Amino acid sequence: MVKRSVEKEIKNGDYGRYPKMKKRGSDKPVEEIVRELKKPVFRYGDYRERSLRIHGLVCAKCGREFDDSNRHLLTVHHKDGNHLNNPPDGSNWENLCIYCHDDEHSRDLLGAYFRNEEKDKPK
């Protein structure tokens, strides 16, 4: 009787010298797996550290240097204005201090004011 149960187990492929590997299945639908694979390699939130590593702790506009104690004053500016455009090489980023970053974004508002553009004027 024992012999039959061992033979039965070997025939099933679960045991023996070279057992068959069981396939690992996923309960996720194919669409969800494809969606996960299409996600960008770099999440939207981690581009700051990448930019600081690539470009250094220096403001690209005024040249002020930063260290670990004041690196929070250094921001990442997207050159094309698109916060979702985060290439891995950092070509759309520049590190700016908070003062230069504010200046960069206020230039458009000030220019629109002097050009008397209605859409950007405060009501």
PDB file of N, CA and C in Angstrom:
ATOM      1  N   MET A   1       0.805  -1.190   0.000  1.00  0.00           N
ATOM      2  CA  MET A   1       0.000   0.000   0.000  1.00  0.00           C
ATOM      3  C   MET A   1       0.854   1.262   0.000  1.00  0.00           C
ATOM      4  N   VAL A   2       1.900   1.238   0.754  1.00  0.00           N
ATOM      5  CA  VAL A   2       2.760   2.408   0.797  1.00  0.00           C
ATOM      6  C   VAL A   2       3.392   2.650  -0.560  1.00  0.00           C
ATOM      7  N   LYS A   3       3.737   1.563  -1.231  1.00  0.00           N
ATOM      8  CA  LYS A   3       4.378   1.676  -2.520  1.00  0.00           C
ATOM      9  C   LYS A   3       3.457   2.370  -3.530  1.00  0.00           C
ATOM     10  N   ARG A   4       2.186   2.046  -3.509  1.00  0.00           N
ATOM     11  CA  ARG A   4       1.241   2.669  -4.431  1.00  0.00           C
ATOM     12  C   ARG A   4       1.114   4.172  -4.194  1.00  0.00           C
ATOM     13  N   SER A   5       1.058   4.564  -2.929  1.00  0.00           N
ATOM     14  CA  SER A   5       0.911   5.990  -2.654  1.00  0.00           C
ATOM     15  C   SER A   5       2.150   6.775  -3.086  1.00  0.00           C
ATOM     16  N   VAL A   6       3.359   6.165  -2.956  1.00  0.00           N
ATOM     17  CA  VAL A   6       4.581   6.830  -3.403  1.00  0.00           C
ATOM     18  C   VAL A   6       4.583   6.928  -4.916  1.00  0.00           C
ATOM     19  N   GLU A   7       4.210   5.859  -5.603  1.00  0.00           N
ATOM     20  CA  GLU A   7       4.151   5.891  -7.062  1.00  0.00           C
ATOM     21  C   GLU A   7       3.136   6.922  -7.539  1.00  0.00           C
ATOM     22  N   LYS A   8       2.035   6.999  -6.840  1.00  0.00           N
ATOM     23  CA  LYS A   8       1.003   7.969  -7.195  1.00  0.00           C
ATOM     24  C   LYS A   8       1.545   9.398  -7.073  1.00  0.00           C
ATOM     25  N   GLU A   9       2.313   9.636  -6.012  1.00  0.00           N
ATOM     26  CA  GLU A   9       2.884  10.966  -5.816  1.00  0.00           C
ATOM     27  C   GLU A   9       3.918  11.289  -6.892  1.00  0.00           C
ATOM     28  N   ILE A  10       4.729  10.313  -7.289  1.00  0.00           N
ATOM     29  CA  ILE A  10       5.738  10.546  -8.315  1.00  0.00           C
ATOM     30  C   ILE A  10       5.068  10.823  -9.656  1.00  0.00           C
ATOM     31  N   LYS A  11       3.986  10.098  -9.928  1.00  0.00           N
ATOM     32  CA  LYS A  11       3.279  10.327 -11.182  1.00  0.00           C
ATOM     33  C   LYS A  11       2.690  11.728 -11.239  1.00  0.00           C
ATOM     34  N   ASN A  12       2.287  12.258 -10.118  1.00  0.00           N
ATOM     35  CA  ASN A  12       1.735  13.614 -10.087  1.00  0.00           C
ATOM     36  C   ASN A  12       2.802  14.676 -10.320  1.00  0.00           C
ATOM     37  N   GLY A  13       4.058  14.322 -10.164  1.00  0.00           N
ATOM     38  CA  GLY A  13       5.128  15.277 -10.395  1.00  0.00           C
ATOM     39  C   GLY A  13       5.434  16.174  -9.220  1.00  0.00           C
ATOM     40  N   ASP A  14       4.830  15.941  -8.080  1.00  0.00           N
ATOM     41  CA  ASP A  14       5.072  16.782  -6.925  1.00  0.00           C
ATOM     42  C   ASP A  14       6.366  16.426  -6.210  1.00  0.00           C
ATOM     43  N   TYR A  15       6.781  15.167  -6.306  1.00  0.00           N
ATOM     44  CA  TYR A  15       7.957  14.723  -5.590  1.00  0.00           C
ATOM     45  C   TYR A  15       8.873  13.992  -6.555  1.00  0.00           C
ATOM     46  N   GLY A  16      10.053  13.680  -6.112  1.00  0.00           N
ATOM     47  CA  GLY A  16      10.981  12.924  -6.926  1.00  0.00           C
ATOM     48  C   GLY A  16      12.295  13.653  -7.040  1.00  0.00           C
ATOM     49  N   ARG A  17      13.148  13.125  -7.885  1.00  0.00           N
ATOM     50  CA  ARG A  17      14.477  13.694  -8.034  1.00  0.00           C
ATOM     51  C   ARG A  17      14.434  15.075  -8.677  1.00  0.00           C
ATOM     52  N   TYR A  18      13.608  15.249  -9.693  1.00  0.00           N
ATOM     53  CA  TYR A  18      13.467  16.540 -10.352  1.00  0.00           C
ATOM     54  C   TYR A  18      12.002  16.963 -10.317  1.00  0.00           C
ATOM     55  N   PRO A  19      11.596  17.556  -9.215  1.00  0.00           N
ATOM     56  CA  PRO A  19      10.178  17.922  -9.114  1.00  0.00           C
ATOM     57  C   PRO A  19       9.835  19.050 -10.088  1.00  0.00           C
ATOM     58  N   LYS A  20       8.628  19.043 -10.582  1.00  0.00           N
ATOM     59  CA  LYS A  20       8.167  20.098 -11.476  1.00  0.00           C
ATOM     60  C   LYS A  20       7.883  21.342 -10.653  1.00  0.00           C
ATOM     61  N   MET A  21       8.274  22.467 -11.201  1.00  0.00           N
ATOM     62  CA  MET A  21       8.000  23.728 -10.525  1.00  0.00           C
ATOM     63  C   MET A  21       6.557  24.124 -10.783  1.00  0.00           C
ATOM     64  N   LYS A  22       5.920  24.597  -9.763  1.00  0.00           N
ATOM     65  CA  LYS A  22       4.555  25.062  -9.921  1.00  0.00           C
ATOM     66  C   LYS A  22       4.592  26.496 -10.440  1.00  0.00           C
ATOM     67  N   LYS A  23       3.698  26.797 -11.355  1.00  0.00           N
ATOM     68  CA  LYS A  23       3.612  28.147 -11.904  1.00  0.00           C
ATOM     69  C   LYS A  23       3.004  29.070 -10.860  1.00  0.00           C
ATOM     70  N   ARG A  24       3.597  30.227 -10.752  1.00  0.00           N
ATOM     71  CA  ARG A  24       3.064  31.223  -9.825  1.00  0.00           C
ATOM     72  C   ARG A  24       2.084  32.099 -10.584  1.00  0.00           C
ATOM     73  N   GLY A  25       0.874  32.049 -10.200  1.00  0.00           N
ATOM     74  CA  GLY A  25      -0.150  32.835 -10.855  1.00  0.00           C
ATOM     75  C   GLY A  25      -0.386  34.141 -10.113  1.00  0.00           C
ATOM     76  N   SER A  26      -1.090  35.001 -10.756  1.00  0.00           N
ATOM     77  CA  SER A  26      -1.437  36.268 -10.151  1.00  0.00           C
ATOM     78  C   SER A  26      -2.945  36.429 -10.200  1.00  0.00           C
ATOM     79  N   ASP A  27      -3.493  36.983  -9.145  1.00  0.00           N
ATOM     80  CA  ASP A  27      -4.929  37.222  -9.104  1.00  0.00           C
ATOM     81  C   ASP A  27      -5.306  38.526  -9.794  1.00  0.00           C
ATOM     82  N   LYS A  28      -4.283  39.319 -10.178  1.00  0.00           N
ATOM     83  CA  LYS A  28      -4.547  40.613 -10.801  1.00  0.00           C
ATOM     84  C   LYS A  28      -4.973  40.432 -12.248  1.00  0.00           C
ATOM     85  N   PRO A  29      -5.885  41.284 -12.704  1.00  0.00           N
ATOM     86  CA  PRO A  29      -6.242  41.230 -14.127  1.00  0.00           C
ATOM     87  C   PRO A  29      -5.086  41.732 -14.995  1.00  0.00           C
ATOM     88  N   VAL A  30      -5.087  41.318 -16.233  1.00  0.00           N
ATOM     89  CA  VAL A  30      -3.998  41.666 -17.151  1.00  0.00           C
ATOM     90  C   VAL A  30      -3.883  43.178 -17.320  1.00  0.00           C
ATOM     91  N   GLU A  31      -5.009  43.879 -17.368  1.00  0.00           N
ATOM     92  CA  GLU A  31      -4.986  45.335 -17.551  1.00  0.00           C
ATOM     93  C   GLU A  31      -4.244  46.025 -16.408  1.00  0.00           C
ATOM     94  N   GLU A  32      -4.428  45.533 -15.187  1.00  0.00           N
ATOM     95  CA  GLU A  32      -3.751  46.136 -14.036  1.00  0.00           C
ATOM     96  C   GLU A  32      -2.248  45.876 -14.087  1.00  0.00           C
ATOM     97  N   ILE A  33      -1.854  44.699 -14.506  1.00  0.00           N
ATOM     98  CA  ILE A  33      -0.427  44.384 -14.629  1.00  0.00           C
ATOM     99  C   ILE A  33       0.216  45.259 -15.685  1.00  0.00           C
ATOM    100  N   VAL A  34      -0.458  45.445 -16.824  1.00  0.00           N
ATOM    101  CA  VAL A  34       0.065  46.308 -17.892  1.00  0.00           C
ATOM    102  C   VAL A  34       0.167  47.744 -17.403  1.00  0.00           C
ATOM    103  N   ARG A  35      -0.827  48.213 -16.654  1.00  0.00           N
ATOM    104  CA  ARG A  35      -0.808  49.575 -16.108  1.00  0.00           C
ATOM    105  C   ARG A  35       0.384  49.777 -15.178  1.00  0.00           C
ATOM    106  N   GLU A  36       0.684  48.785 -14.355  1.00  0.00           N
ATOM    107  CA  GLU A  36       1.826  48.875 -13.450  1.00  0.00           C
ATOM    108  C   GLU A  36       3.146  48.897 -14.212  1.00  0.00           C
ATOM    109  N   LEU A  37       3.220  48.132 -15.285  1.00  0.00           N
ATOM    110  CA  LEU A  37       4.448  48.104 -16.072  1.00  0.00           C
ATOM    111  C   LEU A  37       4.672  49.400 -16.829  1.00  0.00           C
ATOM    112  N   LYS A  38       3.598  50.105 -17.162  1.00  0.00           N
ATOM    113  CA  LYS A  38       3.716  51.363 -17.901  1.00  0.00           C
ATOM    114  C   LYS A  38       4.006  52.565 -17.007  1.00  0.00           C
ATOM    115  N   LYS A  39       3.951  52.374 -15.706  1.00  0.00           N
ATOM    116  CA  LYS A  39       4.232  53.482 -14.793  1.00  0.00           C
ATOM    117  C   LYS A  39       5.650  53.972 -15.009  1.00  0.00           C
ATOM    118  N   PRO A  40       5.888  55.286 -14.831  1.00  0.00           N
ATOM    119  CA  PRO A  40       7.249  55.780 -15.009  1.00  0.00           C
ATOM    120  C   PRO A  40       8.202  55.181 -13.982  1.00  0.00           C
ATOM    121  N   VAL A  41       9.451  55.078 -14.381  1.00  0.00           N
ATOM    122  CA  VAL A  41      10.460  54.491 -13.502  1.00  0.00           C
ATOM    123  C   VAL A  41      10.619  55.339 -12.248  1.00  0.00           C
ATOM    124  N   PHE A  42      10.576  56.648 -12.406  1.00  0.00           N
ATOM    125  CA  PHE A  42      10.763  57.556 -11.283  1.00  0.00           C
ATOM    126  C   PHE A  42       9.419  58.148 -10.894  1.00  0.00           C
ATOM    127  N   ARG A  43       9.086  58.021  -9.650  1.00  0.00           N
ATOM    128  CA  ARG A  43       7.847  58.609  -9.180  1.00  0.00           C
ATOM    129  C   ARG A  43       7.949  60.121  -9.246  1.00  0.00           C
ATOM    130  N   TYR A  44       6.790  60.780  -9.228  1.00  0.00           N
ATOM    131  CA  TYR A  44       6.780  62.230  -9.353  1.00  0.00           C
ATOM    132  C   TYR A  44       7.412  62.912  -8.147  1.00  0.00           C
ATOM    133  N   GLY A  45       7.350  62.311  -6.987  1.00  0.00           N
ATOM    134  CA  GLY A  45       7.840  62.950  -5.779  1.00  0.00           C
ATOM    135  C   GLY A  45       9.326  62.833  -5.534  1.00  0.00           C
ATOM    136  N   ASP A  46      10.023  61.940  -6.205  1.00  0.00           N
ATOM    137  CA  ASP A  46      11.433  61.749  -5.885  1.00  0.00           C
ATOM    138  C   ASP A  46      12.371  62.508  -6.816  1.00  0.00           C
ATOM    139  N   TYR A  47      11.850  63.381  -7.662  1.00  0.00           N
ATOM    140  CA  TYR A  47      12.729  64.101  -8.573  1.00  0.00           C
ATOM    141  C   TYR A  47      13.584  65.142  -7.850  1.00  0.00           C
ATOM    142  N   ARG A  48      13.160  65.608  -6.698  1.00  0.00           N
ATOM    143  CA  ARG A  48      13.942  66.622  -5.981  1.00  0.00           C
ATOM    144  C   ARG A  48      15.312  66.078  -5.573  1.00  0.00           C
ATOM    145  N   GLU A  49      15.304  64.917  -4.942  1.00  0.00           N
ATOM    146  CA  GLU A  49      16.581  64.326  -4.517  1.00  0.00           C
ATOM    147  C   GLU A  49      17.465  63.996  -5.711  1.00  0.00           C
ATOM    148  N   ARG A  50      16.849  63.536  -6.798  1.00  0.00           N
ATOM    149  CA  ARG A  50      17.627  63.231  -8.005  1.00  0.00           C
ATOM    150  C   ARG A  50      18.252  64.493  -8.567  1.00  0.00           C
ATOM    151  N   SER A  51      17.489  65.583  -8.591  1.00  0.00           N
ATOM    152  CA  SER A  51      18.014  66.843  -9.108  1.00  0.00           C
ATOM    153  C   SER A  51      19.148  67.385  -8.238  1.00  0.00           C
ATOM    154  N   LEU A  52      18.978  67.293  -6.934  1.00  0.00           N
ATOM    155  CA  LEU A  52      20.031  67.759  -6.029  1.00  0.00           C
ATOM    156  C   LEU A  52      21.298  66.929  -6.208  1.00  0.00           C
ATOM    157  N   ARG A  53      21.136  65.636  -6.446  1.00  0.00           N
ATOM    158  CA  ARG A  53      22.292  64.765  -6.661  1.00  0.00           C
ATOM    159  C   ARG A  53      22.971  65.071  -7.995  1.00  0.00           C
ATOM    160  N   ILE A  54      22.176  65.319  -9.033  1.00  0.00           N
ATOM    161  CA  ILE A  54      22.725  65.565 -10.367  1.00  0.00           C
ATOM    162  C   ILE A  54      23.369  66.939 -10.462  1.00  0.00           C
ATOM    163  N   HIS A  55      22.648  67.984 -10.036  1.00  0.00           N
ATOM    164  CA  HIS A  55      23.087  69.363 -10.242  1.00  0.00           C
ATOM    165  C   HIS A  55      23.849  69.966  -9.066  1.00  0.00           C
ATOM    166  N   GLY A  56      23.823  69.306  -7.943  1.00  0.00           N
ATOM    167  CA  GLY A  56      24.552  69.817  -6.784  1.00  0.00           C
ATOM    168  C   GLY A  56      23.730  70.788  -5.961  1.00  0.00           C
ATOM    169  N   LEU A  57      24.277  71.179  -4.829  1.00  0.00           N
ATOM    170  CA  LEU A  57      23.580  72.078  -3.896  1.00  0.00           C
ATOM    171  C   LEU A  57      23.956  73.526  -4.179  1.00  0.00           C
ATOM    172  N   VAL A  58      23.689  73.971  -5.405  1.00  0.00           N
ATOM    173  CA  VAL A  58      24.016  75.329  -5.843  1.00  0.00           C
ATOM    174  C   VAL A  58      22.827  75.884  -6.606  1.00  0.00           C
ATOM    175  N   CYS A  59      22.478  77.145  -6.347  1.00  0.00           N
ATOM    176  CA  CYS A  59      21.413  77.808  -7.095  1.00  0.00           C
ATOM    177  C   CYS A  59      21.927  78.108  -8.503  1.00  0.00           C
ATOM    178  N   ALA A  60      21.179  77.707  -9.509  1.00  0.00           N
ATOM    179  CA  ALA A  60      21.598  77.896 -10.897  1.00  0.00           C
ATOM    180  C   ALA A  60      21.515  79.350 -11.332  1.00  0.00           C
ATOM    181  N   LYS A  61      20.784  80.176 -10.613  1.00  0.00           N
ATOM    182  CA  LYS A  61      20.614  81.572 -11.018  1.00  0.00           C
ATOM    183  C   LYS A  61      21.577  82.518 -10.298  1.00  0.00           C
ATOM    184  N   CYS A  62      21.613  82.456  -8.985  1.00  0.00           N
ATOM    185  CA  CYS A  62      22.461  83.395  -8.239  1.00  0.00           C
ATOM    186  C   CYS A  62      23.796  82.790  -7.810  1.00  0.00           C
ATOM    187  N   GLY A  63      23.929  81.480  -7.900  1.00  0.00           N
ATOM    188  CA  GLY A  63      25.186  80.826  -7.568  1.00  0.00           C
ATOM    189  C   GLY A  63      25.419  80.568  -6.091  1.00  0.00           C
ATOM    190  N   ARG A  64      24.425  80.825  -5.262  1.00  0.00           N
ATOM    191  CA  ARG A  64      24.569  80.595  -3.829  1.00  0.00           C
ATOM    192  C   ARG A  64      24.746  79.107  -3.563  1.00  0.00           C
ATOM    193  N   GLU A  65      25.687  78.774  -2.698  1.00  0.00           N
ATOM    194  CA  GLU A  65      25.949  77.382  -2.358  1.00  0.00           C
ATOM    195  C   GLU A  65      25.228  77.005  -1.071  1.00  0.00           C
ATOM    196  N   PHE A  66      24.778  75.771  -1.013  1.00  0.00           N
ATOM    197  CA  PHE A  66      24.031  75.267   0.133  1.00  0.00           C
ATOM    198  C   PHE A  66      24.736  74.037   0.688  1.00  0.00           C
ATOM    199  N   ASP A  67      24.405  73.737   1.963  1.00  0.00           N
ATOM    200  CA  ASP A  67      24.919  72.508   2.577  1.00  0.00           C
ATOM    201  C   ASP A  67      23.742  71.768   3.216  1.00  0.00           C
ATOM    202  N   ASP A  68      24.030  70.729   3.959  1.00  0.00           N
ATOM    203  CA  ASP A  68      22.952  69.918   4.533  1.00  0.00           C
ATOM    204  C   ASP A  68      22.092  70.683   5.535  1.00  0.00           C
ATOM    205  N   SER A  69      22.634  71.711   6.158  1.00  0.00           N
ATOM    206  CA  SER A  69      21.854  72.448   7.155  1.00  0.00           C
ATOM    207  C   SER A  69      20.820  73.378   6.523  1.00  0.00           C
ATOM    208  N   ASN A  70      21.047  73.829   5.290  1.00  0.00           N
ATOM    209  CA  ASN A  70      20.098  74.752   4.670  1.00  0.00           C
ATOM    210  C   ASN A  70      19.629  74.291   3.285  1.00  0.00           C
ATOM    211  N   ARG A  71      19.760  73.020   2.993  1.00  0.00           N
ATOM    212  CA  ARG A  71      19.357  72.507   1.675  1.00  0.00           C
ATOM    213  C   ARG A  71      17.860  72.602   1.445  1.00  0.00           C
ATOM    214  N   HIS A  72      17.083  72.765   2.522  1.00  0.00           N
ATOM    215  CA  HIS A  72      15.637  72.920   2.380  1.00  0.00           C
ATOM    216  C   HIS A  72      15.271  74.231   1.676  1.00  0.00           C
ATOM    217  N   LEU A  73      16.205  75.184   1.606  1.00  0.00           N
ATOM    218  CA  LEU A  73      15.968  76.445   0.905  1.00  0.00           C
ATOM    219  C   LEU A  73      16.198  76.333  -0.600  1.00  0.00           C
ATOM    220  N   LEU A  74      16.635  75.179  -1.048  1.00  0.00           N
ATOM    221  CA  LEU A  74      16.893  74.945  -2.462  1.00  0.00           C
ATOM    222  C   LEU A  74      15.721  74.169  -3.060  1.00  0.00           C
ATOM    223  N   THR A  75      15.160  74.702  -4.159  1.00  0.00           N
ATOM    224  CA  THR A  75      14.005  74.071  -4.797  1.00  0.00           C
ATOM    225  C   THR A  75      14.379  73.616  -6.205  1.00  0.00           C
ATOM    226  N   VAL A  76      13.520  72.794  -6.770  1.00  0.00           N
ATOM    227  CA  VAL A  76      13.727  72.319  -8.140  1.00  0.00           C
ATOM    228  C   VAL A  76      12.723  73.019  -9.037  1.00  0.00           C
ATOM    229  N   HIS A  77      13.234  73.715 -10.045  1.00  0.00           N
ATOM    230  CA  HIS A  77      12.392  74.423 -11.006  1.00  0.00           C
ATOM    231  C   HIS A  77      12.325  73.610 -12.294  1.00  0.00           C
ATOM    232  N   HIS A  78      11.109  73.406 -12.817  1.00  0.00           N
ATOM    233  CA  HIS A  78      10.936  72.732 -14.101  1.00  0.00           C
ATOM    234  C   HIS A  78      11.049  73.786 -15.202  1.00  0.00           C
ATOM    235  N   LYS A  79      12.014  73.646 -16.062  1.00  0.00           N
ATOM    236  CA  LYS A  79      12.286  74.643 -17.092  1.00  0.00           C
ATOM    237  C   LYS A  79      11.104  74.844 -18.031  1.00  0.00           C
ATOM    238  N   ASP A  80      10.415  73.762 -18.391  1.00  0.00           N
ATOM    239  CA  ASP A  80       9.293  73.899 -19.318  1.00  0.00           C
ATOM    240  C   ASP A  80       7.963  74.130 -18.603  1.00  0.00           C
ATOM    241  N   GLY A  81       7.974  74.173 -17.276  1.00  0.00           N
ATOM    242  CA  GLY A  81       6.763  74.422 -16.506  1.00  0.00           C
ATOM    243  C   GLY A  81       5.889  73.200 -16.297  1.00  0.00           C
ATOM    244  N   ASN A  82       6.260  72.059 -16.842  1.00  0.00           N
ATOM    245  CA  ASN A  82       5.479  70.836 -16.723  1.00  0.00           C
ATOM    246  C   ASN A  82       6.050  69.981 -15.600  1.00  0.00           C
ATOM    247  N   HIS A  83       5.336  69.888 -14.506  1.00  0.00           N
ATOM    248  CA  HIS A  83       5.814  69.134 -13.344  1.00  0.00           C
ATOM    249  C   HIS A  83       5.796  67.632 -13.562  1.00  0.00           C
ATOM    250  N   LEU A  84       5.121  67.177 -14.610  1.00  0.00           N
ATOM    251  CA  LEU A  84       5.095  65.752 -14.908  1.00  0.00           C
ATOM    252  C   LEU A  84       6.234  65.351 -15.845  1.00  0.00           C
ATOM    253  N   ASN A  85       6.940  66.320 -16.389  1.00  0.00           N
ATOM    254  CA  ASN A  85       8.066  66.040 -17.282  1.00  0.00           C
ATOM    255  C   ASN A  85       9.328  65.919 -16.436  1.00  0.00           C
ATOM    256  N   ASN A  86       9.637  64.699 -16.024  1.00  0.00           N
ATOM    257  CA  ASN A  86      10.770  64.436 -15.143  1.00  0.00           C
ATOM    258  C   ASN A  86      11.707  63.418 -15.783  1.00  0.00           C
ATOM    259  N   PRO A  87      12.498  63.841 -16.763  1.00  0.00           N
ATOM    260  CA  PRO A  87      13.410  62.891 -17.404  1.00  0.00           C
ATOM    261  C   PRO A  87      14.492  62.433 -16.435  1.00  0.00           C
ATOM    262  N   PRO A  88      14.952  61.199 -16.574  1.00  0.00           N
ATOM    263  CA  PRO A  88      15.938  60.666 -15.633  1.00  0.00           C
ATOM    264  C   PRO A  88      17.269  61.397 -15.659  1.00  0.00           C
ATOM    265  N   ASP A  89      17.585  62.072 -16.772  1.00  0.00           N
ATOM    266  CA  ASP A  89      18.870  62.778 -16.848  1.00  0.00           C
ATOM    267  C   ASP A  89      18.813  64.167 -16.232  1.00  0.00           C
ATOM    268  N   GLY A  90      17.623  64.628 -15.810  1.00  0.00           N
ATOM    269  CA  GLY A  90      17.492  65.927 -15.156  1.00  0.00           C
ATOM    270  C   GLY A  90      17.546  67.106 -16.099  1.00  0.00           C
ATOM    271  N   SER A  91      17.327  66.895 -17.381  1.00  0.00           N
ATOM    272  CA  SER A  91      17.455  67.983 -18.356  1.00  0.00           C
ATOM    273  C   SER A  91      16.345  69.027 -18.245  1.00  0.00           C
ATOM    274  N   ASN A  92      15.249  68.728 -17.569  1.00  0.00           N
ATOM    275  CA  ASN A  92      14.173  69.699 -17.414  1.00  0.00           C
ATOM    276  C   ASN A  92      14.203  70.384 -16.049  1.00  0.00           C
ATOM    277  N   TRP A  93      15.208  70.118 -15.259  1.00  0.00           N
ATOM    278  CA  TRP A  93      15.278  70.668 -13.916  1.00  0.00           C
ATOM    279  C   TRP A  93      16.435  71.645 -13.784  1.00  0.00           C
ATOM    280  N   GLU A  94      16.240  72.602 -12.884  1.00  0.00           N
ATOM    281  CA  GLU A  94      17.357  73.418 -12.403  1.00  0.00           C
ATOM    282  C   GLU A  94      17.098  73.731 -10.944  1.00  0.00           C
ATOM    283  N   ASN A  95      18.132  73.661 -10.154  1.00  0.00           N
ATOM    284  CA  ASN A  95      18.015  73.943  -8.726  1.00  0.00           C
ATOM    285  C   ASN A  95      18.085  75.446  -8.520  1.00  0.00           C
ATOM    286  N   LEU A  96      17.061  75.987  -7.871  1.00  0.00           N
ATOM    287  CA  LEU A  96      17.007  77.419  -7.575  1.00  0.00           C
ATOM    288  C   LEU A  96      16.727  77.607  -6.096  1.00  0.00           C
ATOM    289  N   CYS A  97      17.341  78.644  -5.518  1.00  0.00           N
ATOM    290  CA  CYS A  97      17.003  78.974  -4.132  1.00  0.00           C
ATOM    291  C   CYS A  97      15.574  79.509  -4.111  1.00  0.00           C
ATOM    292  N   ILE A  98      14.967  79.554  -2.961  1.00  0.00           N
ATOM    293  CA  ILE A  98      13.553  79.947  -2.886  1.00  0.00           C
ATOM    294  C   ILE A  98      13.339  81.365  -3.412  1.00  0.00           C
ATOM    295  N   TYR A  99      14.315  82.238  -3.250  1.00  0.00           N
ATOM    296  CA  TYR A  99      14.181  83.620  -3.704  1.00  0.00           C
ATOM    297  C   TYR A  99      14.210  83.686  -5.226  1.00  0.00           C
ATOM    298  N   CYS A 100      15.145  82.981  -5.846  1.00  0.00           N
ATOM    299  CA  CYS A 100      15.229  82.963  -7.308  1.00  0.00           C
ATOM    300  C   CYS A 100      14.043  82.219  -7.916  1.00  0.00           C
ATOM    301  N   HIS A 101      13.555  81.201  -7.233  1.00  0.00           N
ATOM    302  CA  HIS A 101      12.404  80.458  -7.731  1.00  0.00           C
ATOM    303  C   HIS A 101      11.158  81.336  -7.721  1.00  0.00           C
ATOM    304  N   ASP A 102      10.955  82.083  -6.647  1.00  0.00           N
ATOM    305  CA  ASP A 102       9.834  83.023  -6.600  1.00  0.00           C
ATOM    306  C   ASP A 102       9.971  84.077  -7.683  1.00  0.00           C
ATOM    307  N   ASP A 103      11.180  84.575  -7.883  1.00  0.00           N
ATOM    308  CA  ASP A 103      11.422  85.576  -8.916  1.00  0.00           C
ATOM    309  C   ASP A 103      11.110  85.011 -10.308  1.00  0.00           C
ATOM    310  N   GLU A 104      11.497  83.790 -10.545  1.00  0.00           N
ATOM    311  CA  GLU A 104      11.267  83.153 -11.847  1.00  0.00           C
ATOM    312  C   GLU A 104       9.771  83.039 -12.154  1.00  0.00           C
ATOM    313  N   HIS A 105       8.974  82.671 -11.146  1.00  0.00           N
ATOM    314  CA  HIS A 105       7.543  82.513 -11.363  1.00  0.00           C
ATOM    315  C   HIS A 105       6.792  83.843 -11.337  1.00  0.00           C
ATOM    316  N   SER A 106       7.329  84.864 -10.718  1.00  0.00           N
ATOM    317  CA  SER A 106       6.638  86.158 -10.694  1.00  0.00           C
ATOM    318  C   SER A 106       6.933  86.987 -11.937  1.00  0.00           C
ATOM    319  N   ARG A 107       7.927  86.635 -12.717  1.00  0.00           N
ATOM    320  CA  ARG A 107       8.254  87.385 -13.934  1.00  0.00           C
ATOM    321  C   ARG A 107       7.087  87.401 -14.917  1.00  0.00           C
ATOM    322  N   ASP A 108       6.408  86.286 -15.083  1.00  0.00           N
ATOM    323  CA  ASP A 108       5.280  86.227 -16.017  1.00  0.00           C
ATOM    324  C   ASP A 108       4.145  87.129 -15.561  1.00  0.00           C
ATOM    325  N   LEU A 109       3.886  87.134 -14.270  1.00  0.00           N
ATOM    326  CA  LEU A 109       2.815  87.977 -13.746  1.00  0.00           C
ATOM    327  C   LEU A 109       3.130  89.456 -13.932  1.00  0.00           C
ATOM    328  N   LEU A 110       4.357  89.833 -13.648  1.00  0.00           N
ATOM    329  CA  LEU A 110       4.762  91.223 -13.782  1.00  0.00           C
ATOM    330  C   LEU A 110       4.761  91.648 -15.256  1.00  0.00           C
ATOM    331  N   GLY A 111       5.225  90.785 -16.139  1.00  0.00           N
ATOM    332  CA  GLY A 111       5.224  91.101 -17.571  1.00  0.00           C
ATOM    333  C   GLY A 111       3.815  91.274 -18.101  1.00  0.00           C
ATOM    334  N   ALA A 112       2.894  90.420 -17.655  1.00  0.00           N
ATOM    335  CA  ALA A 112       1.499  90.533 -18.085  1.00  0.00           C
ATOM    336  C   ALA A 112       0.893  91.838 -17.575  1.00  0.00           C
ATOM    337  N   TYR A 113       1.262  92.232 -16.390  1.00  0.00           N
ATOM    338  CA  TYR A 113       0.753  93.482 -15.824  1.00  0.00           C
ATOM    339  C   TYR A 113       1.211  94.673 -16.660  1.00  0.00           C
ATOM    340  N   PHE A 114       2.483  94.699 -17.012  1.00  0.00           N
ATOM    341  CA  PHE A 114       3.004  95.816 -17.795  1.00  0.00           C
ATOM    342  C   PHE A 114       2.508  95.802 -19.247  1.00  0.00           C
ATOM    343  N   ARG A 115       2.126  94.642 -19.751  1.00  0.00           N
ATOM    344  CA  ARG A 115       1.566  94.565 -21.108  1.00  0.00           C
ATOM    345  C   ARG A 115       0.069  94.840 -21.104  1.00  0.00           C
ATOM    346  N   ASN A 116      -0.505  95.106 -19.948  1.00  0.00           N
ATOM    347  CA  ASN A 116      -1.931  95.376 -19.767  1.00  0.00           C
ATOM    348  C   ASN A 116      -2.811  94.237 -20.263  1.00  0.00           C
ATOM    349  N   GLU A 117      -2.385  93.012 -19.992  1.00  0.00           N
ATOM    350  CA  GLU A 117      -3.198  91.853 -20.372  1.00  0.00           C
ATOM    351  C   GLU A 117      -4.278  91.670 -19.330  1.00  0.00           C
ATOM    352  N   GLU A 118      -5.511  91.615 -19.800  1.00  0.00           N
ATOM    353  CA  GLU A 118      -6.680  91.540 -18.919  1.00  0.00           C
ATOM    354  C   GLU A 118      -6.772  90.231 -18.157  1.00  0.00           C
ATOM    355  N   LYS A 119      -6.402  89.116 -18.808  1.00  0.00           N
ATOM    356  CA  LYS A 119      -6.627  87.806 -18.171  1.00  0.00           C
ATOM    357  C   LYS A 119      -5.794  87.607 -16.915  1.00  0.00           C
ATOM    358  N   ASP A 120      -4.633  88.265 -16.806  1.00  0.00           N
ATOM    359  CA  ASP A 120      -3.765  88.061 -15.652  1.00  0.00           C
ATOM    360  C   ASP A 120      -3.904  89.150 -14.592  1.00  0.00           C
ATOM    361  N   LYS A 121      -4.703  90.175 -14.874  1.00  0.00           N
ATOM    362  CA  LYS A 121      -4.878  91.252 -13.884  1.00  0.00           C
ATOM    363  C   LYS A 121      -5.759  90.784 -12.742  1.00  0.00           C
ATOM    364  N   PRO A 122      -5.429  91.197 -11.537  1.00  0.00           N
ATOM    365  CA  PRO A 122      -6.318  90.864 -10.411  1.00  0.00           C
ATOM    366  C   PRO A 122      -7.619  91.641 -10.528  1.00  0.00           C
ATOM    367  N   LYS A 123      -8.718  91.033 -10.065  1.00  0.00           N
ATOM    368  CA  LYS A 123     -10.032  91.681 -10.162  1.00  0.00           C
ATOM    369  C   LYS A 123     -10.346  92.489  -8.939  1.00  0.00           C
TER     370      LYS A 123
END
